[in-house]
Amino acid sequence: ISEEIKKQLQEHEGKENPDYVIACVGGGSNAAGAFYHFYD
């Protein structure tokens, strides 16, 4: 999920990183996927 976000944002905005990534958390799999390549 976050791997694709980086590539797609590069196309849309000319940069890989957004300012915010927002996801709901129960156990947290969708959030972990959306956050993964932005952890650091």
PDB file of all heavy atoms in Angstrom:
ATOM      1  N   ILE A   1       0.845  -1.213   0.000  1.00  0.00           N
ATOM      2  CA  ILE A   1       0.000   0.000   0.000  1.00  0.00           C
ATOM      3  C   ILE A   1       0.874   1.255   0.000  1.00  0.00           C
ATOM      4  O   ILE A   1       0.725   2.136  -0.856  1.00  0.00           O
ATOM      5  CB  ILE A   1      -0.959   0.012   1.221  1.00  0.00           C
ATOM      6  CG1 ILE A   1      -1.907  -1.196   1.178  1.00  0.00           C
ATOM      7  CG2 ILE A   1      -1.754   1.317   1.274  1.00  0.00           C
ATOM      8  CD1 ILE A   1      -2.751  -1.384   2.450  1.00  0.00           C
ATOM      9  N   SER A   2       1.814   1.342   0.957  1.00  0.00           N
ATOM     10  CA  SER A   2       2.652   2.550   1.036  1.00  0.00           C
ATOM     11  C   SER A   2       3.684   2.585  -0.085  1.00  0.00           C
ATOM     12  O   SER A   2       4.089   3.659  -0.540  1.00  0.00           O
ATOM     13  CB  SER A   2       3.335   2.668   2.401  1.00  0.00           C
ATOM     14  OG  SER A   2       3.948   1.461   2.773  1.00  0.00           O
ATOM     15  N   GLU A   3       4.078   1.416  -0.558  1.00  0.00           N
ATOM     16  CA  GLU A   3       5.004   1.383  -1.698  1.00  0.00           C
ATOM     17  C   GLU A   3       4.347   2.038  -2.915  1.00  0.00           C
ATOM     18  O   GLU A   3       4.960   2.868  -3.609  1.00  0.00           O
ATOM     19  CB  GLU A   3       5.378  -0.070  -2.005  1.00  0.00           C
ATOM     20  CG  GLU A   3       6.463  -0.192  -3.063  1.00  0.00           C
ATOM     21  CD  GLU A   3       6.744  -1.636  -3.449  1.00  0.00           C
ATOM     22  OE1 GLU A   3       6.382  -2.546  -2.689  1.00  0.00           O
ATOM     23  OE2 GLU A   3       7.323  -1.826  -4.515  1.00  0.00           O
ATOM     24  N   GLU A   4       3.077   1.691  -3.153  1.00  0.00           N
ATOM     25  CA  GLU A   4       2.345   2.290  -4.281  1.00  0.00           C
ATOM     26  C   GLU A   4       2.073   3.775  -4.051  1.00  0.00           C
ATOM     27  O   GLU A   4       2.165   4.575  -4.987  1.00  0.00           O
ATOM     28  CB  GLU A   4       1.019   1.549  -4.493  1.00  0.00           C
ATOM     29  CG  GLU A   4       1.189   0.171  -5.099  1.00  0.00           C
ATOM     30  CD  GLU A   4      -0.118  -0.598  -5.225  1.00  0.00           C
ATOM     31  OE1 GLU A   4      -1.206  -0.004  -4.975  1.00  0.00           O
ATOM     32  OE2 GLU A   4      -0.066  -1.779  -5.560  1.00  0.00           O
ATOM     33  N   ILE A   5       1.735   4.146  -2.805  1.00  0.00           N
ATOM     34  CA  ILE A   5       1.462   5.566  -2.515  1.00  0.00           C
ATOM     35  C   ILE A   5       2.657   6.417  -2.936  1.00  0.00           C
ATOM     36  O   ILE A   5       2.503   7.467  -3.573  1.00  0.00           O
ATOM     37  CB  ILE A   5       1.148   5.791  -1.014  1.00  0.00           C
ATOM     38  CG1 ILE A   5      -0.218   5.191  -0.644  1.00  0.00           C
ATOM     39  CG2 ILE A   5       1.165   7.287  -0.668  1.00  0.00           C
ATOM     40  CD1 ILE A   5      -0.523   5.163   0.865  1.00  0.00           C
ATOM     41  N   LYS A   6       3.860   5.976  -2.597  1.00  0.00           N
ATOM     42  CA  LYS A   6       5.075   6.736  -2.932  1.00  0.00           C
ATOM     43  C   LYS A   6       5.179   6.967  -4.446  1.00  0.00           C
ATOM     44  O   LYS A   6       5.395   8.085  -4.904  1.00  0.00           O
ATOM     45  CB  LYS A   6       6.322   6.001  -2.430  1.00  0.00           C
ATOM     46  CG  LYS A   6       6.691   6.297  -0.979  1.00  0.00           C
ATOM     47  CD  LYS A   6       7.871   5.453  -0.572  1.00  0.00           C
ATOM     48  CE  LYS A   6       8.746   5.957   0.494  1.00  0.00           C
ATOM     49  NZ  LYS A   6       9.116   7.252   0.785  1.00  0.00           N
ATOM     50  N   LYS A   7       5.024   5.896  -5.202  1.00  0.00           N
ATOM     51  CA  LYS A   7       5.126   6.001  -6.668  1.00  0.00           C
ATOM     52  C   LYS A   7       4.031   6.899  -7.238  1.00  0.00           C
ATOM     53  O   LYS A   7       4.264   7.732  -8.107  1.00  0.00           O
ATOM     54  CB  LYS A   7       5.005   4.610  -7.305  1.00  0.00           C
ATOM     55  CG  LYS A   7       6.243   3.746  -7.149  1.00  0.00           C
ATOM     56  CD  LYS A   7       6.071   2.427  -7.920  1.00  0.00           C
ATOM     57  CE  LYS A   7       7.179   1.448  -7.539  1.00  0.00           C
ATOM     58  NZ  LYS A   7       6.709   0.069  -7.471  1.00  0.00           N
ATOM     59  N   GLN A   8       2.815   6.698  -6.742  1.00  0.00           N
ATOM     60  CA  GLN A   8       1.665   7.427  -7.292  1.00  0.00           C
ATOM     61  C   GLN A   8       1.711   8.902  -6.924  1.00  0.00           C
ATOM     62  O   GLN A   8       1.340   9.762  -7.726  1.00  0.00           O
ATOM     63  CB  GLN A   8       0.366   6.773  -6.796  1.00  0.00           C
ATOM     64  CG  GLN A   8       0.163   5.388  -7.409  1.00  0.00           C
ATOM     65  CD  GLN A   8      -0.932   4.596  -6.705  1.00  0.00           C
ATOM     66  OE1 GLN A   8      -1.054   4.628  -5.471  1.00  0.00           O
ATOM     67  NE2 GLN A   8      -1.733   3.871  -7.459  1.00  0.00           N
ATOM     68  N   LEU A   9       2.191   9.198  -5.717  1.00  0.00           N
ATOM     69  CA  LEU A   9       2.292  10.591  -5.294  1.00  0.00           C
ATOM     70  C   LEU A   9       3.349  11.319  -6.120  1.00  0.00           C
ATOM     71  O   LEU A   9       3.195  12.506  -6.446  1.00  0.00           O
ATOM     72  CB  LEU A   9       2.622  10.655  -3.800  1.00  0.00           C
ATOM     73  CG  LEU A   9       2.086  11.871  -3.055  1.00  0.00           C
ATOM     74  CD1 LEU A   9       0.589  12.041  -3.258  1.00  0.00           C
ATOM     75  CD2 LEU A   9       2.378  11.750  -1.570  1.00  0.00           C
ATOM     76  N   GLN A  10       4.400  10.595  -6.466  1.00  0.00           N
ATOM     77  CA  GLN A  10       5.435  11.165  -7.342  1.00  0.00           C
ATOM     78  C   GLN A  10       4.800  11.627  -8.658  1.00  0.00           C
ATOM     79  O   GLN A  10       5.082  12.718  -9.150  1.00  0.00           O
ATOM     80  CB  GLN A  10       6.522  10.111  -7.607  1.00  0.00           C
ATOM     81  CG  GLN A  10       7.720  10.592  -8.414  1.00  0.00           C
ATOM     82  CD  GLN A  10       8.571  11.617  -7.667  1.00  0.00           C
ATOM     83  OE1 GLN A  10       8.988  11.392  -6.547  1.00  0.00           O
ATOM     84  NE2 GLN A  10       8.809  12.757  -8.288  1.00  0.00           N
ATOM     85  N   GLU A  11       3.892  10.827  -9.192  1.00  0.00           N
ATOM     86  CA  GLU A  11       3.193  11.200 -10.438  1.00  0.00           C
ATOM     87  C   GLU A  11       2.269  12.389 -10.226  1.00  0.00           C
ATOM     88  O   GLU A  11       2.233  13.303 -11.037  1.00  0.00           O
ATOM     89  CB  GLU A  11       2.365  10.010 -10.958  1.00  0.00           C
ATOM     90  CG  GLU A  11       3.197   8.889 -11.554  1.00  0.00           C
ATOM     91  CD  GLU A  11       2.365   7.622 -11.769  1.00  0.00           C
ATOM     92  OE1 GLU A  11       1.119   7.722 -11.901  1.00  0.00           O
ATOM     93  OE2 GLU A  11       2.964   6.523 -11.785  1.00  0.00           O
ATOM     94  N   HIS A  12       1.525  12.377  -9.125  1.00  0.00           N
ATOM     95  CA  HIS A  12       0.533  13.435  -8.881  1.00  0.00           C
ATOM     96  C   HIS A  12       1.164  14.755  -8.440  1.00  0.00           C
ATOM     97  O   HIS A  12       0.739  15.828  -8.863  1.00  0.00           O
ATOM     98  CB  HIS A  12      -0.444  13.007  -7.768  1.00  0.00           C
ATOM     99  CG  HIS A  12      -1.475  12.019  -8.207  1.00  0.00           C
ATOM    100  ND1 HIS A  12      -2.510  12.334  -9.062  1.00  0.00           N
ATOM    101  CD2 HIS A  12      -1.646  10.702  -7.899  1.00  0.00           C
ATOM    102  CE1 HIS A  12      -3.268  11.263  -9.250  1.00  0.00           C
ATOM    103  NE2 HIS A  12      -2.756  10.257  -8.559  1.00  0.00           N
ATOM    104  N   GLU A  13       2.138  14.671  -7.540  1.00  0.00           N
ATOM    105  CA  GLU A  13       2.631  15.866  -6.849  1.00  0.00           C
ATOM    106  C   GLU A  13       4.112  16.146  -7.096  1.00  0.00           C
ATOM    107  O   GLU A  13       4.649  17.140  -6.598  1.00  0.00           O
ATOM    108  CB  GLU A  13       2.414  15.719  -5.332  1.00  0.00           C
ATOM    109  CG  GLU A  13       0.953  15.753  -4.902  1.00  0.00           C
ATOM    110  CD  GLU A  13       0.345  17.156  -4.968  1.00  0.00           C
ATOM    111  OE1 GLU A  13       1.098  18.139  -4.852  1.00  0.00           O
ATOM    112  OE2 GLU A  13      -0.882  17.262  -5.158  1.00  0.00           O
ATOM    113  N   GLY A  14       4.776  15.235  -7.802  1.00  0.00           N
ATOM    114  CA  GLY A  14       6.213  15.412  -8.036  1.00  0.00           C
ATOM    115  C   GLY A  14       7.052  15.170  -6.791  1.00  0.00           C
ATOM    116  O   GLY A  14       8.201  15.584  -6.707  1.00  0.00           O
ATOM    117  N   LYS A  15       6.468  14.500  -5.788  1.00  0.00           N
ATOM    118  CA  LYS A  15       7.249  14.117  -4.593  1.00  0.00           C
ATOM    119  C   LYS A  15       6.678  12.829  -4.021  1.00  0.00           C
ATOM    120  O   LYS A  15       5.486  12.548  -4.160  1.00  0.00           O
ATOM    121  CB  LYS A  15       7.223  15.236  -3.549  1.00  0.00           C
ATOM    122  CG  LYS A  15       5.843  15.584  -3.004  1.00  0.00           C
ATOM    123  CD  LYS A  15       5.929  16.618  -1.899  1.00  0.00           C
ATOM    124  CE  LYS A  15       4.575  16.788  -1.199  1.00  0.00           C
ATOM    125  NZ  LYS A  15       4.631  17.690  -0.062  1.00  0.00           N
ATOM    126  N   GLU A  16       7.547  12.044  -3.383  1.00  0.00           N
ATOM    127  CA  GLU A  16       7.132  10.726  -2.884  1.00  0.00           C
ATOM    128  C   GLU A  16       6.392  10.784  -1.561  1.00  0.00           C
ATOM    129  O   GLU A  16       5.584   9.918  -1.256  1.00  0.00           O
ATOM    130  CB  GLU A  16       8.375   9.837  -2.676  1.00  0.00           C
ATOM    131  CG  GLU A  16       8.920   9.226  -3.938  1.00  0.00           C
ATOM    132  CD  GLU A  16       9.868   8.065  -3.613  1.00  0.00           C
ATOM    133  OE1 GLU A  16      10.438   8.048  -2.496  1.00  0.00           O
ATOM    134  OE2 GLU A  16      10.022   7.186  -4.474  1.00  0.00           O
ATOM    135  N   ASN A  17       6.704  11.792  -0.762  1.00  0.00           N
ATOM    136  CA  ASN A  17       6.196  11.796   0.612  1.00  0.00           C
ATOM    137  C   ASN A  17       5.068  12.795   0.816  1.00  0.00           C
ATOM    138  O   ASN A  17       5.232  13.986   0.531  1.00  0.00           O
ATOM    139  CB  ASN A  17       7.326  12.123   1.599  1.00  0.00           C
ATOM    140  CG  ASN A  17       8.360  11.010   1.656  1.00  0.00           C
ATOM    141  OD1 ASN A  17       8.105   9.897   1.229  1.00  0.00           O
ATOM    142  ND2 ASN A  17       9.544  11.322   2.165  1.00  0.00           N
ATOM    143  N   PRO A  18       3.933  12.332   1.351  1.00  0.00           N
ATOM    144  CA  PRO A  18       2.876  13.269   1.729  1.00  0.00           C
ATOM    145  C   PRO A  18       3.238  13.950   3.053  1.00  0.00           C
ATOM    146  O   PRO A  18       4.257  13.617   3.669  1.00  0.00           O
ATOM    147  CB  PRO A  18       1.663  12.360   1.908  1.00  0.00           C
ATOM    148  CG  PRO A  18       2.247  11.054   2.354  1.00  0.00           C
ATOM    149  CD  PRO A  18       3.604  10.949   1.698  1.00  0.00           C
ATOM    150  N   ASP A  19       2.419  14.883   3.482  1.00  0.00           N
ATOM    151  CA  ASP A  19       2.618  15.493   4.804  1.00  0.00           C
ATOM    152  C   ASP A  19       1.940  14.665   5.904  1.00  0.00           C
ATOM    153  O   ASP A  19       2.397  14.639   7.039  1.00  0.00           O
ATOM    154  CB  ASP A  19       2.063  16.925   4.810  1.00  0.00           C
ATOM    155  CG  ASP A  19       2.799  17.798   3.803  1.00  0.00           C
ATOM    156  OD1 ASP A  19       4.036  17.903   3.920  1.00  0.00           O
ATOM    157  OD2 ASP A  19       2.157  18.319   2.871  1.00  0.00           O
ATOM    158  N   TYR A  20       0.851  13.996   5.522  1.00  0.00           N
ATOM    159  CA  TYR A  20       0.095  13.175   6.486  1.00  0.00           C
ATOM    160  C   TYR A  20      -0.334  11.867   5.824  1.00  0.00           C
ATOM    161  O   TYR A  20      -0.712  11.869   4.648  1.00  0.00           O
ATOM    162  CB  TYR A  20      -1.204  13.884   6.921  1.00  0.00           C
ATOM    163  CG  TYR A  20      -1.023  15.165   7.666  1.00  0.00           C
ATOM    164  CD1 TYR A  20      -0.837  16.371   6.981  1.00  0.00           C
ATOM    165  CD2 TYR A  20      -1.076  15.207   9.063  1.00  0.00           C
ATOM    166  CE1 TYR A  20      -0.673  17.574   7.664  1.00  0.00           C
ATOM    167  CE2 TYR A  20      -0.925  16.399   9.753  1.00  0.00           C
ATOM    168  CZ  TYR A  20      -0.721  17.585   9.049  1.00  0.00           C
ATOM    169  OH  TYR A  20      -0.571  18.768   9.724  1.00  0.00           O
ATOM    170  N   VAL A  21      -0.299  10.771   6.607  1.00  0.00           N
ATOM    171  CA  VAL A  21      -0.969   9.533   6.197  1.00  0.00           C
ATOM    172  C   VAL A  21      -1.933   9.178   7.327  1.00  0.00           C
ATOM    173  O   VAL A  21      -1.539   9.111   8.496  1.00  0.00           O
ATOM    174  CB  VAL A  21       0.021   8.376   5.975  1.00  0.00           C
ATOM    175  CG1 VAL A  21      -0.736   7.112   5.557  1.00  0.00           C
ATOM    176  CG2 VAL A  21       1.058   8.725   4.923  1.00  0.00           C
ATOM    177  N   ILE A  22      -3.203   8.978   6.962  1.00  0.00           N
ATOM    178  CA  ILE A  22      -4.249   8.729   7.964  1.00  0.00           C
ATOM    179  C   ILE A  22      -4.872   7.354   7.724  1.00  0.00           C
ATOM    180  O   ILE A  22      -5.208   7.007   6.582  1.00  0.00           O
ATOM    181  CB  ILE A  22      -5.360   9.807   7.880  1.00  0.00           C
ATOM    182  CG1 ILE A  22      -4.752  11.219   8.018  1.00  0.00           C
ATOM    183  CG2 ILE A  22      -6.436   9.571   8.936  1.00  0.00           C
ATOM    184  CD1 ILE A  22      -5.767  12.356   7.862  1.00  0.00           C
ATOM    185  N   ALA A  23      -5.016   6.562   8.794  1.00  0.00           N
ATOM    186  CA  ALA A  23      -5.657   5.247   8.668  1.00  0.00           C
ATOM    187  C   ALA A  23      -6.352   4.888   9.969  1.00  0.00           C
ATOM    188  O   ALA A  23      -5.920   5.296  11.046  1.00  0.00           O
ATOM    189  CB  ALA A  23      -4.611   4.185   8.331  1.00  0.00           C
ATOM    190  N   CYS A  24      -7.437   4.115   9.863  1.00  0.00           N
ATOM    191  CA  CYS A  24      -8.095   3.622  11.077  1.00  0.00           C
ATOM    192  C   CYS A  24      -7.304   2.439  11.635  1.00  0.00           C
ATOM    193  O   CYS A  24      -6.578   1.765  10.898  1.00  0.00           O
ATOM    194  CB  CYS A  24      -9.543   3.221  10.781  1.00  0.00           C
ATOM    195  SG  CYS A  24      -9.719   1.820   9.654  1.00  0.00           S
ATOM    196  N   VAL A  25      -7.445   2.215  12.941  1.00  0.00           N
ATOM    197  CA  VAL A  25      -6.721   1.122  13.599  1.00  0.00           C
ATOM    198  C   VAL A  25      -7.658   0.304  14.491  1.00  0.00           C
ATOM    199  O   VAL A  25      -8.288   0.854  15.397  1.00  0.00           O
ATOM    200  CB  VAL A  25      -5.561   1.673  14.474  1.00  0.00           C
ATOM    201  CG1 VAL A  25      -4.927   0.548  15.276  1.00  0.00           C
ATOM    202  CG2 VAL A  25      -4.501   2.326  13.612  1.00  0.00           C
ATOM    203  N   GLY A  26      -7.745  -0.999  14.193  1.00  0.00           N
ATOM    204  CA  GLY A  26      -8.368  -1.961  15.107  1.00  0.00           C
ATOM    205  C   GLY A  26      -7.199  -2.751  15.661  1.00  0.00           C
ATOM    206  O   GLY A  26      -6.607  -2.426  16.680  1.00  0.00           O
ATOM    207  N   GLY A  27      -6.806  -3.791  14.922  1.00  0.00           N
ATOM    208  CA  GLY A  27      -5.508  -4.449  15.179  1.00  0.00           C
ATOM    209  C   GLY A  27      -4.410  -3.639  14.510  1.00  0.00           C
ATOM    210  O   GLY A  27      -3.324  -3.458  15.037  1.00  0.00           O
ATOM    211  N   GLY A  28      -4.735  -3.158  13.297  1.00  0.00           N
ATOM    212  CA  GLY A  28      -3.838  -2.205  12.641  1.00  0.00           C
ATOM    213  C   GLY A  28      -3.172  -2.635  11.350  1.00  0.00           C
ATOM    214  O   GLY A  28      -2.124  -2.107  10.990  1.00  0.00           O
ATOM    215  N   SER A  29      -3.789  -3.561  10.573  1.00  0.00           N
ATOM    216  CA  SER A  29      -3.093  -4.017   9.358  1.00  0.00           C
ATOM    217  C   SER A  29      -3.133  -2.992   8.235  1.00  0.00           C
ATOM    218  O   SER A  29      -2.153  -2.809   7.516  1.00  0.00           O
ATOM    219  CB  SER A  29      -3.634  -5.365   8.877  1.00  0.00           C
ATOM    220  OG  SER A  29      -4.995  -5.290   8.509  1.00  0.00           O
ATOM    221  N   ASN A  30      -4.271  -2.296   8.076  1.00  0.00           N
ATOM    222  CA  ASN A  30      -4.292  -1.318   6.978  1.00  0.00           C
ATOM    223  C   ASN A  30      -3.393  -0.134   7.305  1.00  0.00           C
ATOM    224  O   ASN A  30      -2.706   0.408   6.432  1.00  0.00           O
ATOM    225  CB  ASN A  30      -5.739  -0.919   6.615  1.00  0.00           C
ATOM    226  CG  ASN A  30      -6.218   0.356   7.270  1.00  0.00           C
ATOM    227  OD1 ASN A  30      -5.927   1.470   6.827  1.00  0.00           O
ATOM    228  ND2 ASN A  30      -6.972   0.211   8.360  1.00  0.00           N
ATOM    229  N   ALA A  31      -3.362   0.237   8.590  1.00  0.00           N
ATOM    230  CA  ALA A  31      -2.485   1.344   9.004  1.00  0.00           C
ATOM    231  C   ALA A  31      -1.017   0.954   8.838  1.00  0.00           C
ATOM    232  O   ALA A  31      -0.205   1.728   8.322  1.00  0.00           O
ATOM    233  CB  ALA A  31      -2.770   1.733  10.453  1.00  0.00           C
ATOM    234  N   ALA A  32      -0.656  -0.268   9.240  1.00  0.00           N
ATOM    235  CA  ALA A  32       0.736  -0.712   9.096  1.00  0.00           C
ATOM    236  C   ALA A  32       1.142  -0.707   7.625  1.00  0.00           C
ATOM    237  O   ALA A  32       2.259  -0.301   7.273  1.00  0.00           O
ATOM    238  CB  ALA A  32       0.919  -2.100   9.700  1.00  0.00           C
ATOM    239  N   GLY A  33       0.246  -1.135   6.753  1.00  0.00           N
ATOM    240  CA  GLY A  33       0.542  -1.138   5.322  1.00  0.00           C
ATOM    241  C   GLY A  33       0.716   0.260   4.763  1.00  0.00           C
ATOM    242  O   GLY A  33       1.615   0.526   3.952  1.00  0.00           O
ATOM    243  N   ALA A  34      -0.143   1.175   5.219  1.00  0.00           N
ATOM    244  CA  ALA A  34      -0.089   2.559   4.732  1.00  0.00           C
ATOM    245  C   ALA A  34       1.093   3.326   5.326  1.00  0.00           C
ATOM    246  O   ALA A  34       1.625   4.250   4.711  1.00  0.00           O
ATOM    247  CB  ALA A  34      -1.400   3.274   5.070  1.00  0.00           C
ATOM    248  N   PHE A  35       1.514   2.940   6.534  1.00  0.00           N
ATOM    249  CA  PHE A  35       2.626   3.639   7.212  1.00  0.00           C
ATOM    250  C   PHE A  35       4.001   3.076   6.842  1.00  0.00           C
ATOM    251  O   PHE A  35       5.004   3.772   6.943  1.00  0.00           O
ATOM    252  CB  PHE A  35       2.490   3.503   8.747  1.00  0.00           C
ATOM    253  CG  PHE A  35       1.305   4.197   9.375  1.00  0.00           C
ATOM    254  CD1 PHE A  35       1.007   3.976  10.727  1.00  0.00           C
ATOM    255  CD2 PHE A  35       0.488   5.060   8.659  1.00  0.00           C
ATOM    256  CE1 PHE A  35      -0.080   4.604  11.341  1.00  0.00           C
ATOM    257  CE2 PHE A  35      -0.605   5.687   9.266  1.00  0.00           C
ATOM    258  CZ  PHE A  35      -0.879   5.454  10.605  1.00  0.00           C
ATOM    259  N   TYR A  36       4.061   1.816   6.436  1.00  0.00           N
ATOM    260  CA  TYR A  36       5.307   1.041   6.421  1.00  0.00           C
ATOM    261  C   TYR A  36       6.494   1.775   5.784  1.00  0.00           C
ATOM    262  O   TYR A  36       7.554   1.902   6.387  1.00  0.00           O
ATOM    263  CB  TYR A  36       5.079  -0.297   5.702  1.00  0.00           C
ATOM    264  CG  TYR A  36       6.162  -1.324   5.967  1.00  0.00           C
ATOM    265  CD1 TYR A  36       6.071  -2.188   7.046  1.00  0.00           C
ATOM    266  CD2 TYR A  36       7.292  -1.421   5.157  1.00  0.00           C
ATOM    267  CE1 TYR A  36       7.049  -3.134   7.317  1.00  0.00           C
ATOM    268  CE2 TYR A  36       8.278  -2.364   5.409  1.00  0.00           C
ATOM    269  CZ  TYR A  36       8.157  -3.208   6.490  1.00  0.00           C
ATOM    270  OH  TYR A  36       9.135  -4.129   6.754  1.00  0.00           O
ATOM    271  N   HIS A  37       6.335   2.247   4.582  1.00  0.00           N
ATOM    272  CA  HIS A  37       7.458   2.888   3.883  1.00  0.00           C
ATOM    273  C   HIS A  37       7.650   4.352   4.296  1.00  0.00           C
ATOM    274  O   HIS A  37       8.515   5.034   3.740  1.00  0.00           O
ATOM    275  CB  HIS A  37       7.288   2.748   2.368  1.00  0.00           C
ATOM    276  CG  HIS A  37       7.553   1.348   1.892  1.00  0.00           C
ATOM    277  ND1 HIS A  37       8.809   0.791   1.824  1.00  0.00           N
ATOM    278  CD2 HIS A  37       6.706   0.357   1.509  1.00  0.00           C
ATOM    279  CE1 HIS A  37       8.734  -0.458   1.397  1.00  0.00           C
ATOM    280  NE2 HIS A  37       7.472  -0.745   1.207  1.00  0.00           N
ATOM    281  N   PHE A  38       6.857   4.781   5.270  1.00  0.00           N
ATOM    282  CA  PHE A  38       7.019   6.138   5.820  1.00  0.00           C
ATOM    283  C   PHE A  38       7.496   6.124   7.273  1.00  0.00           C
ATOM    284  O   PHE A  38       7.679   7.177   7.871  1.00  0.00           O
ATOM    285  CB  PHE A  38       5.701   6.919   5.723  1.00  0.00           C
ATOM    286  CG  PHE A  38       5.177   7.043   4.318  1.00  0.00           C
ATOM    287  CD1 PHE A  38       4.013   6.407   3.928  1.00  0.00           C
ATOM    288  CD2 PHE A  38       5.863   7.799   3.365  1.00  0.00           C
ATOM    289  CE1 PHE A  38       3.527   6.513   2.631  1.00  0.00           C
ATOM    290  CE2 PHE A  38       5.392   7.908   2.062  1.00  0.00           C
ATOM    291  CZ  PHE A  38       4.223   7.264   1.694  1.00  0.00           C
ATOM    292  N   TYR A  39       7.674   4.922   7.856  1.00  0.00           N
ATOM    293  CA  TYR A  39       8.077   4.833   9.268  1.00  0.00           C
ATOM    294  C   TYR A  39       9.225   5.779   9.594  1.00  0.00           C
ATOM    295  O   TYR A  39       9.220   6.458  10.619  1.00  0.00           O
ATOM    296  CB  TYR A  39       8.552   3.414   9.608  1.00  0.00           C
ATOM    297  CG  TYR A  39       7.480   2.374   9.834  1.00  0.00           C
ATOM    298  CD1 TYR A  39       7.787   1.014   9.699  1.00  0.00           C
ATOM    299  CD2 TYR A  39       6.180   2.706  10.218  1.00  0.00           C
ATOM    300  CE1 TYR A  39       6.823   0.023   9.919  1.00  0.00           C
ATOM    301  CE2 TYR A  39       5.224   1.731  10.430  1.00  0.00           C
ATOM    302  CZ  TYR A  39       5.552   0.386  10.281  1.00  0.00           C
ATOM    303  OH  TYR A  39       4.613  -0.585  10.503  1.00  0.00           O
ATOM    304  N   ASP A  40      10.230   5.790   8.737  1.00  0.00           N
ATOM    305  CA  ASP A  40      11.447   6.550   9.040  1.00  0.00           C
ATOM    306  C   ASP A  40      11.536   7.877   8.297  1.00  0.00           C
ATOM    307  O   ASP A  40      12.569   8.529   8.311  1.00  0.00           O
ATOM    308  CB  ASP A  40      12.681   5.689   8.746  1.00  0.00           C
ATOM    309  CG  ASP A  40      12.741   4.483   9.683  1.00  0.00           C
ATOM    310  OD1 ASP A  40      12.093   4.525  10.742  1.00  0.00           O
ATOM    311  OD2 ASP A  40      13.418   3.500   9.341  1.00  0.00           O
TER     312      ASP A  40
END
